[in-house]
Amino acid sequence: MSESRTPAQIEADIVRRREQLAETLDEIGIRMHPKTIIGDAKAKVASTVDQTAGRAFVAVNRTVSDVKARFTHDDGAPRLERVVPVALVAVALVGLLAVSVRKRKG
């Protein structure tokens, strides 16, 4: 059984639906406004950059910690059996580079 409504009730319902429609259209207008779209895009890019920078920081920090652990003891003292060979190789490479540069200039 359908309930009969008065003209005042129907009019009130129409007014309420118009207000809801106006709110919905305002929300769509705000969402579709170029400034809103640009702001959302900027926020998304900034979030992506922050996440990428965070991951890069974690990776670099992990690598530095791993290298440090390989060249130092738990108490922080250097592991000479590992540091000395690496230092000698570095000095040899710098020496070869210096000789190579002198040969090119001379």
N, C-alpha and C. Protein backbone atom coordinates (compact mmCIF):
# COMPACT_ATOMS: atom_id res chain seq x y z
N MET A 1 0.83 -1.18 0.00
CA MET A 1 0.00 0.00 0.00
C MET A 1 0.87 1.24 0.00
N SER A 2 0.55 2.15 -0.88
CA SER A 2 1.33 3.37 -0.95
C SER A 2 0.72 4.43 -0.06
N GLU A 3 1.54 5.17 0.51
CA GLU A 3 1.13 6.21 1.44
C GLU A 3 0.96 7.51 0.64
N SER A 4 -0.10 8.18 0.81
CA SER A 4 -0.30 9.42 0.05
C SER A 4 0.36 10.57 0.81
N ARG A 5 0.99 11.44 0.01
CA ARG A 5 1.70 12.57 0.61
C ARG A 5 0.98 13.85 0.24
N THR A 6 1.16 14.79 1.11
CA THR A 6 0.52 16.08 0.87
C THR A 6 1.39 16.89 -0.07
N PRO A 7 0.80 17.88 -0.73
CA PRO A 7 1.61 18.75 -1.59
C PRO A 7 2.75 19.42 -0.82
N ALA A 8 2.57 19.75 0.43
CA ALA A 8 3.62 20.38 1.23
C ALA A 8 4.79 19.40 1.45
N GLN A 9 4.46 18.15 1.67
CA GLN A 9 5.51 17.14 1.85
C GLN A 9 6.29 16.93 0.55
N ILE A 10 5.57 16.90 -0.55
CA ILE A 10 6.23 16.74 -1.85
C ILE A 10 7.13 17.94 -2.13
N GLU A 11 6.66 19.12 -1.85
CA GLU A 11 7.45 20.33 -2.07
C GLU A 11 8.69 20.34 -1.17
N ALA A 12 8.51 19.95 0.07
CA ALA A 12 9.64 19.89 0.99
C ALA A 12 10.68 18.87 0.51
N ASP A 13 10.21 17.75 -0.02
CA ASP A 13 11.11 16.73 -0.56
C ASP A 13 11.87 17.27 -1.77
N ILE A 14 11.18 18.01 -2.63
CA ILE A 14 11.83 18.61 -3.81
C ILE A 14 12.89 19.61 -3.37
N VAL A 15 12.58 20.44 -2.40
CA VAL A 15 13.54 21.44 -1.90
C VAL A 15 14.77 20.73 -1.33
N ARG A 16 14.53 19.67 -0.55
CA ARG A 16 15.65 18.93 0.06
C ARG A 16 16.52 18.29 -1.03
N ARG A 17 15.92 17.70 -2.03
CA ARG A 17 16.68 17.09 -3.12
C ARG A 17 17.45 18.13 -3.93
N ARG A 18 16.86 19.30 -4.13
CA ARG A 18 17.58 20.39 -4.84
C ARG A 18 18.81 20.81 -4.05
N GLU A 19 18.69 20.91 -2.73
CA GLU A 19 19.82 21.29 -1.88
C GLU A 19 20.93 20.23 -1.95
N GLN A 20 20.51 18.96 -1.92
CA GLN A 20 21.49 17.88 -2.03
C GLN A 20 22.19 17.92 -3.38
N LEU A 21 21.43 18.15 -4.43
CA LEU A 21 22.00 18.24 -5.77
C LEU A 21 22.95 19.43 -5.87
N ALA A 22 22.58 20.55 -5.28
CA ALA A 22 23.46 21.73 -5.31
C ALA A 22 24.77 21.44 -4.58
N GLU A 23 24.70 20.75 -3.44
CA GLU A 23 25.91 20.37 -2.70
C GLU A 23 26.79 19.44 -3.55
N THR A 24 26.17 18.48 -4.19
CA THR A 24 26.91 17.54 -5.02
C THR A 24 27.59 18.27 -6.18
N LEU A 25 26.87 19.17 -6.82
CA LEU A 25 27.45 19.94 -7.92
C LEU A 25 28.59 20.83 -7.44
N ASP A 26 28.46 21.42 -6.25
CA ASP A 26 29.55 22.23 -5.69
C ASP A 26 30.79 21.37 -5.45
N GLU A 27 30.59 20.17 -4.90
CA GLU A 27 31.72 19.27 -4.66
C GLU A 27 32.40 18.88 -5.97
N ILE A 28 31.61 18.58 -6.99
CA ILE A 28 32.18 18.24 -8.30
C ILE A 28 32.94 19.43 -8.85
N GLY A 29 32.37 20.61 -8.72
CA GLY A 29 33.04 21.81 -9.20
C GLY A 29 34.39 22.03 -8.52
N ILE A 30 34.43 21.78 -7.22
CA ILE A 30 35.69 21.94 -6.49
C ILE A 30 36.70 20.89 -6.93
N ARG A 31 36.26 19.66 -7.06
CA ARG A 31 37.17 18.57 -7.47
C ARG A 31 37.71 18.78 -8.88
N MET A 32 36.89 19.34 -9.76
CA MET A 32 37.29 19.50 -11.16
C MET A 32 37.97 20.84 -11.43
N HIS A 33 38.06 21.70 -10.43
CA HIS A 33 38.70 23.00 -10.63
C HIS A 33 40.20 22.78 -10.90
N PRO A 34 40.76 23.51 -11.87
CA PRO A 34 42.18 23.31 -12.21
C PRO A 34 43.12 23.44 -11.01
N LYS A 35 42.85 24.37 -10.11
CA LYS A 35 43.73 24.52 -8.94
C LYS A 35 43.69 23.27 -8.06
N THR A 36 42.51 22.68 -7.93
CA THR A 36 42.39 21.46 -7.13
C THR A 36 43.13 20.31 -7.80
N ILE A 37 42.96 20.19 -9.10
CA ILE A 37 43.64 19.11 -9.84
C ILE A 37 45.15 19.28 -9.74
N ILE A 38 45.64 20.50 -9.92
CA ILE A 38 47.08 20.77 -9.83
C ILE A 38 47.58 20.50 -8.42
N GLY A 39 46.82 20.95 -7.42
CA GLY A 39 47.21 20.71 -6.02
C GLY A 39 47.29 19.23 -5.70
N ASP A 40 46.31 18.47 -6.19
CA ASP A 40 46.33 17.01 -5.96
C ASP A 40 47.54 16.37 -6.65
N ALA A 41 47.84 16.82 -7.87
CA ALA A 41 48.99 16.28 -8.60
C ALA A 41 50.29 16.60 -7.88
N LYS A 42 50.41 17.84 -7.40
CA LYS A 42 51.62 18.24 -6.66
C LYS A 42 51.78 17.40 -5.40
N ALA A 43 50.68 17.18 -4.69
CA ALA A 43 50.74 16.38 -3.46
C ALA A 43 51.15 14.95 -3.76
N LYS A 44 50.64 14.40 -4.86
CA LYS A 44 51.00 13.03 -5.23
C LYS A 44 52.49 12.93 -5.59
N VAL A 45 52.99 13.92 -6.35
CA VAL A 45 54.41 13.93 -6.73
C VAL A 45 55.27 14.08 -5.48
N ALA A 46 54.89 15.00 -4.59
CA ALA A 46 55.67 15.21 -3.37
C ALA A 46 55.70 13.93 -2.53
N SER A 47 54.59 13.24 -2.45
CA SER A 47 54.54 11.99 -1.70
C SER A 47 55.45 10.94 -2.31
N THR A 48 55.43 10.85 -3.65
CA THR A 48 56.28 9.88 -4.34
C THR A 48 57.75 10.20 -4.12
N VAL A 49 58.10 11.49 -4.21
CA VAL A 49 59.49 11.91 -4.00
C VAL A 49 59.92 11.59 -2.57
N ASP A 50 59.05 11.89 -1.61
CA ASP A 50 59.38 11.60 -0.21
C ASP A 50 59.61 10.10 0.00
N GLN A 51 58.75 9.27 -0.60
CA GLN A 51 58.91 7.82 -0.45
C GLN A 51 60.20 7.34 -1.10
N THR A 52 60.51 7.87 -2.29
CA THR A 52 61.73 7.47 -3.00
C THR A 52 62.97 7.92 -2.21
N ALA A 53 62.94 9.15 -1.72
CA ALA A 53 64.07 9.65 -0.94
C ALA A 53 64.24 8.83 0.34
N GLY A 54 63.13 8.47 0.95
CA GLY A 54 63.20 7.65 2.16
C GLY A 54 63.81 6.29 1.89
N ARG A 55 63.39 5.66 0.78
CA ARG A 55 63.95 4.36 0.43
C ARG A 55 65.44 4.48 0.12
N ALA A 56 65.82 5.55 -0.59
CA ALA A 56 67.23 5.75 -0.93
C ALA A 56 68.05 5.95 0.35
N PHE A 57 67.53 6.73 1.29
CA PHE A 57 68.24 6.95 2.55
C PHE A 57 68.45 5.64 3.29
N VAL A 58 67.40 4.83 3.36
CA VAL A 58 67.50 3.54 4.06
C VAL A 58 68.54 2.65 3.37
N ALA A 59 68.53 2.62 2.04
CA ALA A 59 69.48 1.78 1.31
C ALA A 59 70.91 2.25 1.54
N VAL A 60 71.13 3.56 1.47
CA VAL A 60 72.49 4.09 1.69
C VAL A 60 72.92 3.83 3.12
N ASN A 61 72.03 4.06 4.05
CA ASN A 61 72.37 3.84 5.46
C ASN A 61 72.72 2.37 5.71
N ARG A 62 71.98 1.46 5.11
CA ARG A 62 72.25 0.03 5.26
C ARG A 62 73.62 -0.30 4.66
N THR A 63 73.91 0.25 3.48
CA THR A 63 75.20 -0.03 2.83
C THR A 63 76.36 0.49 3.66
N VAL A 64 76.22 1.71 4.18
CA VAL A 64 77.28 2.29 5.02
C VAL A 64 77.48 1.43 6.27
N SER A 65 76.39 1.00 6.86
CA SER A 65 76.50 0.15 8.06
C SER A 65 77.18 -1.18 7.73
N ASP A 66 76.85 -1.76 6.58
CA ASP A 66 77.48 -3.03 6.18
C ASP A 66 78.98 -2.84 5.96
N VAL A 67 79.36 -1.78 5.26
CA VAL A 67 80.78 -1.52 5.00
C VAL A 67 81.51 -1.27 6.32
N LYS A 68 80.89 -0.47 7.17
CA LYS A 68 81.52 -0.19 8.47
C LYS A 68 81.71 -1.47 9.26
N ALA A 69 80.71 -2.35 9.23
CA ALA A 69 80.81 -3.61 9.97
C ALA A 69 81.93 -4.50 9.43
N ARG A 70 82.20 -4.42 8.14
CA ARG A 70 83.27 -5.23 7.55
C ARG A 70 84.66 -4.71 7.91
N PHE A 71 84.78 -3.43 8.17
CA PHE A 71 86.10 -2.84 8.41
C PHE A 71 86.35 -2.45 9.86
N THR A 72 85.41 -2.73 10.75
CA THR A 72 85.63 -2.44 12.17
C THR A 72 85.16 -3.61 13.01
N HIS A 73 85.77 -3.72 14.20
CA HIS A 73 85.33 -4.71 15.18
C HIS A 73 84.09 -4.18 15.89
N ASP A 74 83.47 -5.02 16.71
CA ASP A 74 82.28 -4.61 17.45
C ASP A 74 82.55 -3.42 18.36
N ASP A 75 83.78 -3.30 18.86
CA ASP A 75 84.11 -2.18 19.75
C ASP A 75 84.49 -0.91 18.98
N GLY A 76 84.47 -0.97 17.65
CA GLY A 76 84.77 0.20 16.82
C GLY A 76 86.20 0.29 16.35
N ALA A 77 87.06 -0.60 16.82
CA ALA A 77 88.45 -0.59 16.40
C ALA A 77 88.55 -1.09 14.96
N PRO A 78 89.45 -0.51 14.17
CA PRO A 78 89.57 -0.95 12.77
C PRO A 78 90.11 -2.36 12.67
N ARG A 79 89.66 -3.09 11.66
CA ARG A 79 90.18 -4.43 11.37
C ARG A 79 91.33 -4.24 10.38
N LEU A 80 92.52 -4.20 10.91
CA LEU A 80 93.69 -3.90 10.09
C LEU A 80 93.89 -4.92 8.98
N GLU A 81 93.51 -6.18 9.21
CA GLU A 81 93.67 -7.19 8.17
C GLU A 81 92.79 -6.90 6.95
N ARG A 82 91.79 -6.05 7.12
CA ARG A 82 90.94 -5.67 5.99
C ARG A 82 91.23 -4.24 5.51
N VAL A 83 91.57 -3.36 6.43
CA VAL A 83 91.80 -1.96 6.08
C VAL A 83 93.10 -1.80 5.29
N VAL A 84 94.17 -2.45 5.73
CA VAL A 84 95.49 -2.28 5.09
C VAL A 84 95.47 -2.70 3.61
N PRO A 85 94.95 -3.86 3.24
CA PRO A 85 94.94 -4.21 1.81
C PRO A 85 94.12 -3.22 0.97
N VAL A 86 93.01 -2.78 1.49
CA VAL A 86 92.19 -1.81 0.74
C VAL A 86 92.94 -0.50 0.59
N ALA A 87 93.62 -0.06 1.64
CA ALA A 87 94.38 1.18 1.58
C ALA A 87 95.52 1.05 0.57
N LEU A 88 96.20 -0.09 0.54
CA LEU A 88 97.28 -0.29 -0.42
C LEU A 88 96.77 -0.26 -1.86
N VAL A 89 95.64 -0.88 -2.10
CA VAL A 89 95.05 -0.85 -3.44
C VAL A 89 94.69 0.58 -3.83
N ALA A 90 94.12 1.34 -2.90
CA ALA A 90 93.75 2.73 -3.18
C ALA A 90 94.98 3.57 -3.51
N VAL A 91 96.05 3.39 -2.74
CA VAL A 91 97.30 4.13 -3.00
C VAL A 91 97.87 3.74 -4.35
N ALA A 92 97.84 2.47 -4.69
CA ALA A 92 98.35 2.01 -5.99
C ALA A 92 97.53 2.62 -7.13
N LEU A 93 96.21 2.67 -6.99
CA LEU A 93 95.37 3.25 -8.04
C LEU A 93 95.64 4.75 -8.21
N VAL A 94 95.82 5.45 -7.11
CA VAL A 94 96.14 6.89 -7.19
C VAL A 94 97.49 7.08 -7.84
N GLY A 95 98.46 6.23 -7.51
CA GLY A 95 99.78 6.32 -8.13
C GLY A 95 99.71 6.08 -9.63
N LEU A 96 98.97 5.06 -10.05
CA LEU A 96 98.82 4.79 -11.48
C LEU A 96 98.12 5.95 -12.19
N LEU A 97 97.15 6.52 -11.56
CA LEU A 97 96.45 7.67 -12.15
C LEU A 97 97.40 8.85 -12.30
N ALA A 98 98.24 9.09 -11.29
CA ALA A 98 99.20 10.20 -11.36
C ALA A 98 100.20 9.97 -12.49
N VAL A 99 100.69 8.77 -12.61
CA VAL A 99 101.64 8.45 -13.68
C VAL A 99 100.99 8.62 -15.04
N SER A 100 99.77 8.17 -15.17
CA SER A 100 99.04 8.29 -16.43
C SER A 100 98.83 9.75 -16.82
N VAL A 101 98.51 10.59 -15.85
CA VAL A 101 98.30 12.02 -16.12
C VAL A 101 99.62 12.67 -16.54
N ARG A 102 100.72 12.30 -15.90
CA ARG A 102 102.03 12.87 -16.26
C ARG A 102 102.42 12.49 -17.67
N LYS A 103 102.14 11.23 -18.05
CA LYS A 103 102.49 10.79 -19.40
C LYS A 103 101.70 11.56 -20.47
N ARG A 104 100.45 11.84 -20.18
CA ARG A 104 99.64 12.58 -21.15
C ARG A 104 100.11 14.01 -21.30
N LYS A 105 100.51 14.62 -20.20
CA LYS A 105 100.98 16.03 -20.27
C LYS A 105 102.37 16.13 -20.87
N GLY A 106 103.19 15.13 -20.67
CA GLY A 106 104.59 15.18 -21.08
C GLY A 106 104.86 14.74 -22.44
